[in-house]
Amino acid sequence: QVQLVESGGGSVQAGGSLRLSCVVSGYAGSSSCMGWFRQAPGKEREGVAAIYTGDDNTFYADSVKGRFTISQDNAKNTVYLQMDSLKPEDTALYYCAADRVGFGCYSGSWPDPDEYHYWGQGTQVTVSS
């Protein structure tokens, strides 16, 4: 059974940094599209970044390009989201998501939550001005 567990959220001031981690179990040795999403109160879930674990190809939302970096550590079965230069508008509940084994990331579809099959429970990020 695939499980995703996020950690690393917290409260920071604007301009600060956080690194989110997503530990994946039940997927060892397999490639798929892994994504980070966020959802603020009253807003729809938004795709932030994605990575295809087979070749490290990455995708980013325009709102986070140049500030956030998605990466993976295969040995630790972990996907990271390094968030720098945080802004108050980055405040949200952040989720890790995984597509099924063998499914890649595509530029047109990676931000769509319906493309992902497995989800973590979320970790809160709060950025104060």
C-alpha atoms as a PDB file:
ATOM      1  CA  GLN A   1       0.000   0.000   0.000  1.00  0.00           C
ATOM      2  CA  VAL A   2       1.360   3.400  -0.984  1.00  0.00           C
ATOM      3  CA  GLN A   3       1.633   5.938   1.823  1.00  0.00           C
ATOM      4  CA  LEU A   4       2.879   9.524   1.745  1.00  0.00           C
ATOM      5  CA  VAL A   5       3.833  11.376   4.919  1.00  0.00           C
ATOM      6  CA  GLU A   6       4.675  15.085   4.818  1.00  0.00           C
ATOM      7  CA  SER A   7       6.650  17.061   7.364  1.00  0.00           C
ATOM      8  CA  GLY A   8       8.547  20.328   7.661  1.00  0.00           C
ATOM      9  CA  GLY A   9       5.744  22.856   7.772  1.00  0.00           C
ATOM     10  CA  GLY A  10       5.714  25.707  10.249  1.00  0.00           C
ATOM     11  CA  SER A  11       5.453  29.445  10.755  1.00  0.00           C
ATOM     12  CA  VAL A  12       7.988  31.841   9.290  1.00  0.00           C
ATOM     13  CA  GLN A  13       8.262  35.513   8.504  1.00  0.00           C
ATOM     14  CA  ALA A  14       8.157  36.808   4.957  1.00  0.00           C
ATOM     15  CA  GLY A  15      11.475  36.277   3.231  1.00  0.00           C
ATOM     16  CA  GLY A  16      12.213  33.146   5.234  1.00  0.00           C
ATOM     17  CA  SER A  17      12.666  29.546   4.124  1.00  0.00           C
ATOM     18  CA  LEU A  18      11.216  26.131   4.860  1.00  0.00           C
ATOM     19  CA  ARG A  19      11.902  22.677   3.479  1.00  0.00           C
ATOM     20  CA  LEU A  20       9.041  20.226   3.215  1.00  0.00           C
ATOM     21  CA  SER A  21       9.663  16.499   3.070  1.00  0.00           C
ATOM     22  CA  CYS A  22       7.460  13.709   1.753  1.00  0.00           C
ATOM     23  CA  VAL A  23       8.447  10.177   2.683  1.00  0.00           C
ATOM     24  CA  VAL A  24       6.975   7.617   0.311  1.00  0.00           C
ATOM     25  CA  SER A  25       6.415   3.978   1.201  1.00  0.00           C
ATOM     26  CA  GLY A  26       5.128   1.196  -0.991  1.00  0.00           C
ATOM     27  CA  TYR A  27       6.788   2.712  -4.081  1.00  0.00           C
ATOM     28  CA  ALA A  28      10.402   1.630  -3.655  1.00  0.00           C
ATOM     29  CA  GLY A  29      12.315   1.342  -6.916  1.00  0.00           C
ATOM     30  CA  SER A  30       9.451   2.591  -9.063  1.00  0.00           C
ATOM     31  CA  SER A  31       9.126   5.782 -11.085  1.00  0.00           C
ATOM     32  CA  SER A  32       6.156   8.085 -11.138  1.00  0.00           C
ATOM     33  CA  CYS A  33       5.118  11.705 -11.125  1.00  0.00           C
ATOM     34  CA  MET A  34       5.312  13.254  -7.658  1.00  0.00           C
ATOM     35  CA  GLY A  35       3.726  16.611  -6.941  1.00  0.00           C
ATOM     36  CA  TRP A  36       3.371  19.229  -4.264  1.00  0.00           C
ATOM     37  CA  PHE A  37       0.039  21.009  -3.971  1.00  0.00           C
ATOM     38  CA  ARG A  38      -1.305  23.649  -1.639  1.00  0.00           C
ATOM     39  CA  GLN A  39      -4.722  24.792  -0.547  1.00  0.00           C
ATOM     40  CA  ALA A  40      -5.539  28.010   1.260  1.00  0.00           C
ATOM     41  CA  PRO A  41      -8.873  28.511   3.051  1.00  0.00           C
ATOM     42  CA  GLY A  42     -11.640  29.214   0.573  1.00  0.00           C
ATOM     43  CA  LYS A  43      -9.435  28.441  -2.431  1.00  0.00           C
ATOM     44  CA  GLU A  44      -9.018  25.483  -4.751  1.00  0.00           C
ATOM     45  CA  ARG A  45      -6.116  23.092  -4.446  1.00  0.00           C
ATOM     46  CA  GLU A  46      -3.229  24.448  -6.515  1.00  0.00           C
ATOM     47  CA  GLY A  47      -0.329  22.604  -8.126  1.00  0.00           C
ATOM     48  CA  VAL A  48       2.973  24.056  -6.902  1.00  0.00           C
ATOM     49  CA  ALA A  49       5.650  21.780  -8.354  1.00  0.00           C
ATOM     50  CA  ALA A  50       6.133  18.284  -9.712  1.00  0.00           C
ATOM     51  CA  ILE A  51       9.001  15.924 -10.456  1.00  0.00           C
ATOM     52  CA  TYR A  52       9.201  12.742 -12.478  1.00  0.00           C
ATOM     53  CA  THR A  53      11.272  10.398 -10.347  1.00  0.00           C
ATOM     54  CA  GLY A  54      12.518   8.491 -13.387  1.00  0.00           C
ATOM     55  CA  ASP A  55      14.589  11.354 -14.819  1.00  0.00           C
ATOM     56  CA  ASP A  56      14.315  14.288 -12.363  1.00  0.00           C
ATOM     57  CA  ASN A  57      12.384  16.403 -14.869  1.00  0.00           C
ATOM     58  CA  THR A  58      10.674  19.192 -12.903  1.00  0.00           C
ATOM     59  CA  PHE A  59       7.713  21.516 -13.325  1.00  0.00           C
ATOM     60  CA  TYR A  60       6.725  24.664 -11.413  1.00  0.00           C
ATOM     61  CA  ALA A  61       3.790  26.998 -11.101  1.00  0.00           C
ATOM     62  CA  ASP A  62       4.586  30.513 -12.283  1.00  0.00           C
ATOM     63  CA  SER A  63       3.854  31.846  -8.809  1.00  0.00           C
ATOM     64  CA  VAL A  64       6.774  29.916  -7.271  1.00  0.00           C
ATOM     65  CA  LYS A  65       9.357  29.775 -10.082  1.00  0.00           C
ATOM     66  CA  GLY A  66      12.745  30.937  -8.876  1.00  0.00           C
ATOM     67  CA  ARG A  67      11.724  30.603  -5.206  1.00  0.00           C
ATOM     68  CA  PHE A  68      10.778  26.931  -4.754  1.00  0.00           C
ATOM     69  CA  THR A  69      12.793  23.854  -5.703  1.00  0.00           C
ATOM     70  CA  ILE A  70      11.479  20.288  -5.883  1.00  0.00           C
ATOM     71  CA  SER A  71      13.955  17.425  -5.588  1.00  0.00           C
ATOM     72  CA  GLN A  72      14.133  13.780  -4.622  1.00  0.00           C
ATOM     73  CA  ASP A  73      16.418  11.412  -2.740  1.00  0.00           C
ATOM     74  CA  ASN A  74      15.818   7.916  -4.070  1.00  0.00           C
ATOM     75  CA  ALA A  75      17.876   6.311  -1.308  1.00  0.00           C
ATOM     76  CA  LYS A  76      15.534   7.821   1.291  1.00  0.00           C
ATOM     77  CA  ASN A  77      12.332   7.473  -0.775  1.00  0.00           C
ATOM     78  CA  THR A  78      11.771  11.154  -0.112  1.00  0.00           C
ATOM     79  CA  VAL A  79      10.648  14.109  -2.201  1.00  0.00           C
ATOM     80  CA  TYR A  80      11.492  17.609  -0.984  1.00  0.00           C
ATOM     81  CA  LEU A  81      10.150  21.086  -1.576  1.00  0.00           C
ATOM     82  CA  GLN A  82      12.660  23.791  -0.689  1.00  0.00           C
ATOM     83  CA  MET A  83      10.793  27.073  -0.278  1.00  0.00           C
ATOM     84  CA  ASP A  84      12.799  30.297  -0.205  1.00  0.00           C
ATOM     85  CA  SER A  85      11.782  33.971  -0.208  1.00  0.00           C
ATOM     86  CA  LEU A  86       8.432  33.006   1.237  1.00  0.00           C
ATOM     87  CA  LYS A  87       5.530  35.425   0.943  1.00  0.00           C
ATOM     88  CA  PRO A  88       2.322  35.731   2.982  1.00  0.00           C
ATOM     89  CA  GLU A  89       0.399  34.486  -0.061  1.00  0.00           C
ATOM     90  CA  ASP A  90       2.295  31.176   0.204  1.00  0.00           C
ATOM     91  CA  THR A  91       0.330  30.439   3.390  1.00  0.00           C
ATOM     92  CA  ALA A  92      -1.601  27.196   2.873  1.00  0.00           C
ATOM     93  CA  LEU A  93      -1.879  23.534   3.720  1.00  0.00           C
ATOM     94  CA  TYR A  94       0.727  21.778   1.567  1.00  0.00           C
ATOM     95  CA  TYR A  95       0.124  18.261   0.256  1.00  0.00           C
ATOM     96  CA  CYS A  96       2.380  15.690  -1.350  1.00  0.00           C
ATOM     97  CA  ALA A  97       0.819  13.571  -4.101  1.00  0.00           C
ATOM     98  CA  ALA A  98       1.864  10.660  -6.287  1.00  0.00           C
ATOM     99  CA  ASP A  99       0.573   9.293  -9.530  1.00  0.00           C
ATOM    100  CA  ARG A 100       0.517   5.568 -10.185  1.00  0.00           C
ATOM    101  CA  VAL A 101       3.721   3.699 -11.000  1.00  0.00           C
ATOM    102  CA  GLY A 102       4.905   4.333 -14.523  1.00  0.00           C
ATOM    103  CA  PHE A 103       2.857   7.475 -15.039  1.00  0.00           C
ATOM    104  CA  GLY A 104       4.978  10.488 -15.957  1.00  0.00           C
ATOM    105  CA  CYS A 105       4.577  14.215 -15.469  1.00  0.00           C
ATOM    106  CA  TYR A 106       3.386  16.265 -18.432  1.00  0.00           C
ATOM    107  CA  SER A 107       3.471  20.017 -18.842  1.00  0.00           C
ATOM    108  CA  GLY A 108      -0.242  20.292 -19.485  1.00  0.00           C
ATOM    109  CA  SER A 109      -1.516  17.982 -16.785  1.00  0.00           C
ATOM    110  CA  TRP A 110       0.853  17.984 -13.830  1.00  0.00           C
ATOM    111  CA  PRO A 111      -1.002  20.778 -11.930  1.00  0.00           C
ATOM    112  CA  ASP A 112      -4.327  18.893 -12.064  1.00  0.00           C
ATOM    113  CA  PRO A 113      -5.063  17.184  -8.716  1.00  0.00           C
ATOM    114  CA  ASP A 114      -7.168  14.570 -10.528  1.00  0.00           C
ATOM    115  CA  GLU A 115      -3.991  13.260 -12.185  1.00  0.00           C
ATOM    116  CA  TYR A 116      -2.691  11.976  -8.846  1.00  0.00           C
ATOM    117  CA  HIS A 117      -3.710   8.751  -7.189  1.00  0.00           C
ATOM    118  CA  TYR A 118      -2.195   8.997  -3.718  1.00  0.00           C
ATOM    119  CA  TRP A 119      -2.136  11.872  -1.213  1.00  0.00           C
ATOM    120  CA  GLY A 120      -0.528  12.697   2.089  1.00  0.00           C
ATOM    121  CA  GLN A 121      -2.310  14.282   5.015  1.00  0.00           C
ATOM    122  CA  GLY A 122      -0.822  17.754   4.518  1.00  0.00           C
ATOM    123  CA  THR A 123       1.482  20.059   6.455  1.00  0.00           C
ATOM    124  CA  GLN A 124       0.641  23.661   7.317  1.00  0.00           C
ATOM    125  CA  VAL A 125       2.813  26.538   6.143  1.00  0.00           C
ATOM    126  CA  THR A 126       2.123  29.997   7.564  1.00  0.00           C
ATOM    127  CA  VAL A 127       4.024  33.070   6.407  1.00  0.00           C
ATOM    128  CA  SER A 128       3.589  36.310   8.327  1.00  0.00           C
ATOM    129  CA  SER A 129       4.329  39.774   6.986  1.00  0.00           C
END
